[in-house]
């Protein structure tokens, strides 16, 4: 078990292990890339000046990787049962808000965490990780894709707030304008336009060979028209045209509509990802 003080050292130790399943590990790989570049690695813009938590379990070979960028949850890779339980004991004194990761491994971790910390564990999101290598025939939807501009920023900042309000209704985010303007300046956010802007999607993180797409949002009044699928298909093709071999995204396992749409444009499910919150029983 090694707690790394330096992200370069952590990346060197974890890279080969994570790249054996790049799609499944795209979240952790994207966090590492952002830390190495000194970027805010969270699409909600709620990063912190606290030092990240960077852990590898095992040395030759590595058995599990874990990373946390405060104030966010601990993210853990797939790993052995022994490694997941050992990690829970190792971090037992940390004040973690929760964790997320490959469903089987994170399930072992939270059960061990419950035993060693006596904290309550609450289920959060149940997600699927998808990977796309080739965009299939795009959905026939009226309108067109384009890069967002600073003229769109106020509108998209409001959508950013609405996106996270649907996922985390108990939280608020004060940095939406900054996040959106940053994505516009780095050519990272695209919209679907049909008479007006009706949907958005963004390039939120990179891995050595791919990019993750996120912030996919269509306001309620424009839903059920295929705009999100068309926007994601166009953005995915844009990513592949830059030379990336894959695109990744996360979906809610309980949402058959979005899962069906993404599969129709070429996304294939890779693995299940579960999310948990911790609370102290004081």
Protein backbone atom coordinates (compact mmCIF):
# COMPACT_ATOMS: atom_id res chain seq x y z
CA UNK A 1 0.00 0.00 0.00
CA UNK A 2 1.53 3.31 -1.07
CA UNK A 3 0.11 6.78 -0.49
CA UNK A 4 1.80 8.94 -3.09
CA UNK A 5 2.68 12.55 -2.32
CA UNK A 6 3.45 13.37 -5.93
CA UNK A 7 1.07 12.94 -8.90
CA UNK A 8 3.95 12.21 -11.30
CA UNK A 9 5.08 9.34 -9.10
CA UNK A 10 1.48 8.16 -8.77
CA UNK A 11 0.95 8.23 -12.53
CA UNK A 12 4.13 6.24 -13.10
CA UNK A 13 3.02 3.60 -10.61
CA UNK A 14 -0.62 3.35 -11.75
CA UNK A 15 -0.43 3.88 -15.52
CA UNK A 16 0.19 0.35 -16.79
CA UNK A 17 -2.42 -1.13 -14.48
CA UNK A 18 -5.06 1.43 -15.47
CA UNK A 19 -4.34 1.05 -19.18
CA UNK A 20 -5.19 -2.66 -19.11
CA UNK A 21 -8.81 -1.41 -19.04
CA UNK A 22 -8.66 2.15 -20.38
CA UNK A 23 -12.39 2.50 -20.97
CA UNK A 24 -13.35 1.22 -17.52
CA UNK A 25 -10.70 3.43 -15.90
CA UNK A 26 -11.40 6.54 -17.97
CA UNK A 27 -12.56 8.54 -14.96
CA UNK A 28 -9.38 7.95 -12.95
CA UNK A 29 -7.17 8.42 -16.03
CA UNK A 30 -8.91 11.71 -16.76
CA UNK A 31 -8.40 12.89 -13.17
CA UNK A 32 -4.70 12.05 -13.39
CA UNK A 33 -4.37 13.92 -16.69
CA UNK A 34 -6.01 16.97 -15.18
CA UNK A 35 -3.83 16.89 -12.08
CA UNK A 36 -0.68 16.61 -14.19
CA UNK A 37 -1.79 19.60 -16.25
CA UNK A 38 -2.83 21.63 -13.22
CA UNK A 39 -6.45 21.84 -14.37
CA UNK A 40 -9.68 21.73 -12.39
CA UNK A 41 -10.58 18.10 -12.97
CA UNK A 42 -14.28 18.36 -12.08
CA UNK A 43 -16.96 19.38 -14.60
CA UNK A 44 -18.97 21.04 -11.84
CA UNK A 45 -16.07 23.39 -11.15
CA UNK A 46 -16.05 22.71 -7.43
CA UNK A 47 -12.40 21.81 -7.08
CA UNK A 48 -10.40 22.46 -3.92
CA UNK A 49 -6.91 23.60 -2.97
CA UNK A 50 -6.55 20.52 -0.73
CA UNK A 51 -3.99 17.95 -1.80
CA UNK A 52 -5.38 14.96 -3.68
CA UNK A 53 -5.39 11.49 -2.14
CA UNK A 54 -3.38 9.13 -4.39
CA UNK A 55 -3.06 5.45 -3.47
CA UNK A 56 -1.86 2.26 -5.12
CA UNK A 57 -2.37 -1.15 -3.52
CA UNK A 58 0.32 -3.69 -4.34
CA UNK A 59 3.56 -3.03 -6.15
CA UNK A 60 4.52 -5.75 -8.61
CA UNK A 61 1.85 -5.99 -9.80
CA UNK A 62 -0.47 -3.16 -8.71
CA UNK A 63 -3.79 -4.64 -7.55
CA UNK A 64 -5.95 -1.52 -7.17
CA UNK A 65 -5.74 2.25 -7.67
CA UNK A 66 -7.62 4.94 -5.73
CA UNK A 67 -7.76 8.72 -6.13
CA UNK A 68 -9.65 11.54 -4.47
CA UNK A 69 -9.68 15.23 -5.37
CA UNK A 70 -11.32 17.05 -2.44
CA UNK A 71 -14.13 17.81 -1.84
CA UNK A 72 -15.20 14.90 -4.03
CA UNK A 73 -15.60 11.19 -3.41
CA UNK A 74 -12.88 8.58 -3.50
CA UNK A 75 -12.74 6.84 -6.88
CA UNK A 76 -11.40 3.29 -6.97
CA UNK A 77 -10.52 0.94 -9.79
CA UNK A 78 -11.43 -2.68 -10.19
CA UNK A 79 -9.26 -4.78 -7.89
CA UNK A 80 -9.05 -7.91 -5.80
CA UNK A 81 -11.21 -8.43 -2.71
CA UNK A 82 -8.11 -8.41 -0.54
CA UNK A 83 -6.95 -5.10 -2.02
CA UNK A 84 -10.36 -3.45 -1.57
CA UNK A 85 -10.60 -4.53 2.07
CA UNK A 86 -7.01 -3.48 2.75
CA UNK A 87 -7.71 -0.06 1.24
CA UNK A 88 -10.72 0.42 3.53
CA UNK A 89 -8.61 -0.33 6.60
CA UNK A 90 -5.79 1.93 5.37
CA UNK A 91 -8.12 4.92 4.84
CA UNK A 92 -10.32 4.37 7.90
CA UNK A 93 -9.26 7.65 9.55
CA UNK A 94 -9.92 9.72 6.42
CA UNK A 95 -13.07 11.84 6.29
CA UNK A 96 -14.47 10.56 3.03
CA UNK A 97 -17.86 11.80 1.77
CA UNK A 98 -18.31 8.62 -0.25
CA UNK A 99 -16.85 6.54 -3.02
CA UNK A 100 -17.46 5.29 -6.54
CA UNK A 101 -16.01 2.66 -8.81
CA UNK A 102 -16.44 -0.62 -10.64
CA UNK A 103 -19.52 -2.18 -9.08
CA UNK A 104 -18.03 -5.39 -7.72
CA UNK A 105 -14.91 -3.87 -6.20
CA UNK A 106 -16.55 -0.78 -4.75
CA UNK A 107 -19.20 -3.01 -3.18
CA UNK A 108 -16.49 -4.94 -1.32
CA UNK A 109 -14.82 -1.67 -0.29
CA UNK A 110 -17.98 -0.11 1.18
CA UNK A 111 -18.83 -3.22 3.18
CA UNK A 112 -15.33 -3.20 4.65
CA UNK A 113 -15.59 0.57 5.21
CA UNK A 114 -18.86 0.08 7.09
CA UNK A 115 -17.25 -2.50 9.37
CA UNK A 116 -14.08 -0.57 10.19
CA UNK A 117 -15.56 2.94 10.51
CA UNK A 118 -19.11 2.13 11.71
CA UNK A 119 -20.39 4.72 9.26
CA UNK A 120 -23.69 4.41 7.44
CA UNK A 121 -23.46 3.76 3.71
CA UNK A 122 -26.13 5.05 1.33
CA UNK A 123 -26.51 4.03 -2.28
CA UNK A 124 -26.06 6.78 -4.85
CA UNK A 125 -26.08 6.54 -8.63
CA UNK A 126 -26.00 3.28 -10.55
CA UNK A 127 -24.22 3.93 -13.81
CA UNK A 128 -22.95 2.22 -16.94
CA UNK A 129 -19.63 3.08 -18.59
CA UNK A 130 -19.80 3.11 -22.37
CA UNK A 131 -17.13 3.14 -25.06
CA UNK A 132 -17.46 4.15 -28.73
CA UNK A 133 -14.89 3.42 -31.43
CA UNK A 134 -16.99 4.18 -34.53
CA UNK A 135 -20.01 6.44 -34.85
CA UNK A 136 -22.84 4.55 -36.52
CA UNK A 137 -25.22 6.24 -38.94
CA UNK A 138 -26.28 9.41 -37.08
CA UNK A 139 -29.85 9.73 -35.94
CA UNK A 140 -31.99 11.68 -38.41
CA UNK A 141 -32.78 14.76 -36.37
CA UNK A 142 -33.47 18.26 -37.69
CA UNK A 143 -30.80 20.81 -36.90
CA UNK A 144 -27.03 20.85 -36.80
CA UNK A 145 -24.08 20.68 -34.42
CA UNK A 146 -21.71 23.56 -33.82
CA UNK A 147 -19.13 24.70 -31.31
CA UNK A 148 -20.53 26.83 -28.55
CA UNK A 149 -19.41 30.47 -28.41
CA UNK A 150 -19.15 32.99 -25.60
CA UNK A 151 -22.51 34.34 -26.79
CA UNK A 152 -24.00 31.02 -25.66
CA UNK A 153 -22.29 31.08 -22.27
CA UNK A 154 -25.09 32.59 -20.19
CA UNK A 155 -27.64 30.13 -21.56
CA UNK A 156 -25.35 27.12 -21.13
CA UNK A 157 -24.33 28.18 -17.61
CA UNK A 158 -28.00 28.00 -16.64
CA UNK A 159 -28.21 24.57 -18.24
CA UNK A 160 -25.07 23.54 -16.32
CA UNK A 161 -26.87 24.47 -13.09
CA UNK A 162 -29.95 22.50 -14.17
CA UNK A 163 -27.86 19.47 -15.15
CA UNK A 164 -26.28 19.20 -11.71
CA UNK A 165 -29.52 20.09 -9.93
CA UNK A 166 -31.10 17.00 -11.49
CA UNK A 167 -28.20 14.80 -10.34
CA UNK A 168 -27.44 16.42 -6.97
CA UNK A 169 -30.56 18.35 -5.88
CA UNK A 170 -29.08 18.88 -2.41
CA UNK A 171 -26.03 20.79 -3.72
CA UNK A 172 -25.48 24.14 -5.42
CA UNK A 173 -22.66 25.27 -7.67
CA UNK A 174 -21.44 28.84 -7.94
CA UNK A 175 -18.93 28.36 -10.75
CA UNK A 176 -21.10 27.43 -13.73
CA UNK A 177 -20.26 30.55 -15.73
CA UNK A 178 -16.53 29.99 -15.23
CA UNK A 179 -16.78 26.32 -16.20
CA UNK A 180 -18.76 27.01 -19.37
CA UNK A 181 -16.56 29.91 -20.46
CA UNK A 182 -13.49 27.74 -19.89
CA UNK A 183 -14.96 24.97 -22.05
CA UNK A 184 -15.83 27.46 -24.79
CA UNK A 185 -12.29 28.85 -24.84
CA UNK A 186 -10.78 25.36 -25.10
CA UNK A 187 -13.24 24.28 -27.84
CA UNK A 188 -14.70 21.77 -25.41
CA UNK A 189 -18.45 22.35 -25.59
CA UNK A 190 -20.82 21.80 -28.49
CA UNK A 191 -24.51 22.47 -29.00
CA UNK A 192 -27.28 21.18 -31.23
CA UNK A 193 -29.15 24.00 -32.91
CA UNK A 194 -32.61 23.77 -34.46
CA UNK A 195 -33.92 27.29 -34.80
CA UNK A 196 -32.38 27.86 -31.39
CA UNK A 197 -29.92 26.05 -29.15
CA UNK A 198 -31.72 22.94 -27.88
CA UNK A 199 -29.04 20.62 -26.42
CA UNK A 200 -25.41 20.56 -25.30
CA UNK A 201 -22.55 18.10 -24.73
CA UNK A 202 -18.94 18.62 -23.71
CA UNK A 203 -15.49 17.07 -23.91
CA UNK A 204 -14.80 16.81 -20.19
CA UNK A 205 -11.64 14.69 -19.81
CA UNK A 206 -8.97 12.89 -21.79
CA UNK A 207 -7.19 9.55 -21.45
CA UNK A 208 -4.09 8.46 -23.38
CA UNK A 209 -6.22 7.27 -26.31
CA UNK A 210 -9.68 8.67 -25.78
CA UNK A 211 -11.94 11.36 -24.39
CA UNK A 212 -14.90 11.31 -22.07
CA UNK A 213 -18.06 13.13 -23.10
CA UNK A 214 -20.26 14.59 -20.40
CA UNK A 215 -22.54 17.49 -19.46
CA UNK A 216 -25.09 16.08 -21.90
CA UNK A 217 -28.21 18.14 -21.28
CA UNK A 218 -31.43 19.00 -23.04
CA UNK A 219 -33.98 21.23 -21.29
CA UNK A 220 -37.29 19.48 -20.55
CA UNK A 221 -39.19 21.47 -23.17
CA UNK A 222 -36.91 20.15 -25.95
CA UNK A 223 -36.72 16.50 -24.90
CA UNK A 224 -38.10 13.49 -26.80
CA UNK A 225 -36.85 14.93 -30.11
CA UNK A 226 -33.50 13.12 -30.38
CA UNK A 227 -31.43 16.27 -29.94
CA UNK A 228 -29.12 14.86 -27.24
CA UNK A 229 -28.34 11.74 -29.26
CA UNK A 230 -27.61 13.79 -32.36
CA UNK A 231 -25.43 16.21 -30.39
CA UNK A 232 -23.44 13.39 -28.78
CA UNK A 233 -23.04 11.57 -32.12
CA UNK A 234 -21.67 14.71 -33.78
CA UNK A 235 -19.34 15.48 -30.89
CA UNK A 236 -18.12 11.88 -30.78
CA UNK A 237 -17.22 12.06 -34.47
CA UNK A 238 -15.40 15.33 -33.85
CA UNK A 239 -13.34 13.64 -31.12
CA UNK A 240 -12.49 10.66 -33.35
CA UNK A 241 -11.53 13.03 -36.18
CA UNK A 242 -8.81 14.48 -33.95
CA UNK A 243 -7.11 11.07 -33.88
CA UNK A 244 -8.54 9.72 -30.65
CA UNK A 245 -9.45 6.03 -30.89
CA UNK A 246 -12.35 6.05 -28.41
CA UNK A 247 -15.00 8.11 -26.70
CA UNK A 248 -16.41 7.28 -23.27
CA UNK A 249 -19.48 8.33 -21.34
CA UNK A 250 -21.50 7.42 -18.26
CA UNK A 251 -25.25 6.79 -18.21
CA UNK A 252 -27.84 6.05 -15.56
CA UNK A 253 -28.50 2.30 -15.64
CA UNK A 254 -32.13 2.98 -14.75
CA UNK A 255 -32.72 5.17 -17.81
CA UNK A 256 -33.59 2.87 -20.74
CA UNK A 257 -34.10 5.80 -23.11
CA UNK A 258 -30.60 7.25 -22.88
CA UNK A 259 -28.99 3.79 -22.89
CA UNK A 260 -30.88 2.87 -26.05
CA UNK A 261 -29.99 6.13 -27.79
CA UNK A 262 -26.27 5.84 -27.07
CA UNK A 263 -26.16 2.22 -28.19
CA UNK A 264 -27.82 3.16 -31.48
CA UNK A 265 -25.06 5.67 -32.27
CA UNK A 266 -22.29 3.17 -31.52
CA UNK A 267 -21.63 3.19 -27.78
CA UNK A 268 -21.10 -0.23 -26.21
CA UNK A 269 -21.43 -0.97 -22.47
CA UNK A 270 -18.12 -1.74 -20.76
CA UNK A 271 -18.85 -2.14 -17.06
CA UNK A 272 -21.13 -1.13 -14.22
CA UNK A 273 -20.14 1.73 -11.93
CA UNK A 274 -21.70 2.22 -8.48
CA UNK A 275 -21.67 5.26 -6.26
CA UNK A 276 -22.10 5.60 -2.48
CA UNK A 277 -22.38 8.30 0.20
CA UNK A 278 -21.09 7.91 3.76
CA UNK A 279 -22.56 9.45 6.93
CA UNK A 280 -21.34 9.20 10.50
CA UNK A 281 -23.64 7.60 13.07
CA UNK A 282 -22.92 10.08 15.85
